[in-house]
Amino acid sequence: MNRDPITLLKLGVICWAEWRQENAVASPDLSELNLQGFDLEGGDFSQVNFSKANLAEANLQTANLQAANLSLANLQAANLNRAVLLDANLVGANLKEAVLKQADLRNANLVGTSLRGTHLQEGELANANLVGADLLAANLRRANLSETNLESANLHAALLIEAYLYRVNFHKANLSKTHLNGAYLVRANLSQATLYGTDFRWSNLSQVNLQGADLAQANLRGANLRGANLENANLEGAILPDGTIHP
């Protein structure tokens, strides 16, 4: 870069856009920079390298971060409302308490990412890789996670009310005390998942794999379990679809 990137970004996203237009740099390197609290709303940061950058509390609302490298970046409490993170690399990133309402995270790599308390309402996460991610108490109400991989992820006490979870892989995931009321889970894989005290009221669990899952104390009132595999599942104390309690 001919100009110091910090100075350039302080001048605003318009100056940044002009610089990108004048300089044919496919993947600008902003790795390890301290951009805490910067106002980057609406900026074009597609394919930018933000690896290990500090973007805590930054305003990235509606920003284009398609295919950006945000691995190990600090995005705690950042504003990413309606941001485009399609195909982005967020491996090991810190997104605790970040706001990503209606953000586009399709095909994003979020392996091992911290999303504790993150706001992802109505987010698009189809085909995202969230293996081992920490989503403790995250809000995913009405989010689309179709065919997302959440194997071994922590979703304890998360909100997935009315979420679209078609063919999601929850194998060995922790969904204890998770709220899944009204969620669409057709053909999801919940084998060996921890579902203790989970709220499945009026959810669609048809053709779901619950083999070996722990459903003790779960609430399945009104849930559709047609064609579900409950082999070796623990239903002790669970409220069944008809309202009766399993012994």
Foldseek 3Di string as FASTA:
>chain_A
DVDDVVVQPQVAQVSVVVVCVVDVDQEAEPDQAECDQGEHDQHERDNYEHDQYEHDQYEHDQYEHDQYEHDQYEHDQYEHDQYEHHQYEHDQYEHDQYEHDQYEQDQYEHDQYEHDQYEHDQYEHDQYEHDQYEHDQYEHDQHEHEQYEHDQYEHDQHEHDQHEAEQYEDHQYEHDNYEHDQYEHEQHECDQYEHHQYEHHLYEQDLYEHALYENDNYECALYHHHNYHCHNYHQQQYQHNPRDGDD
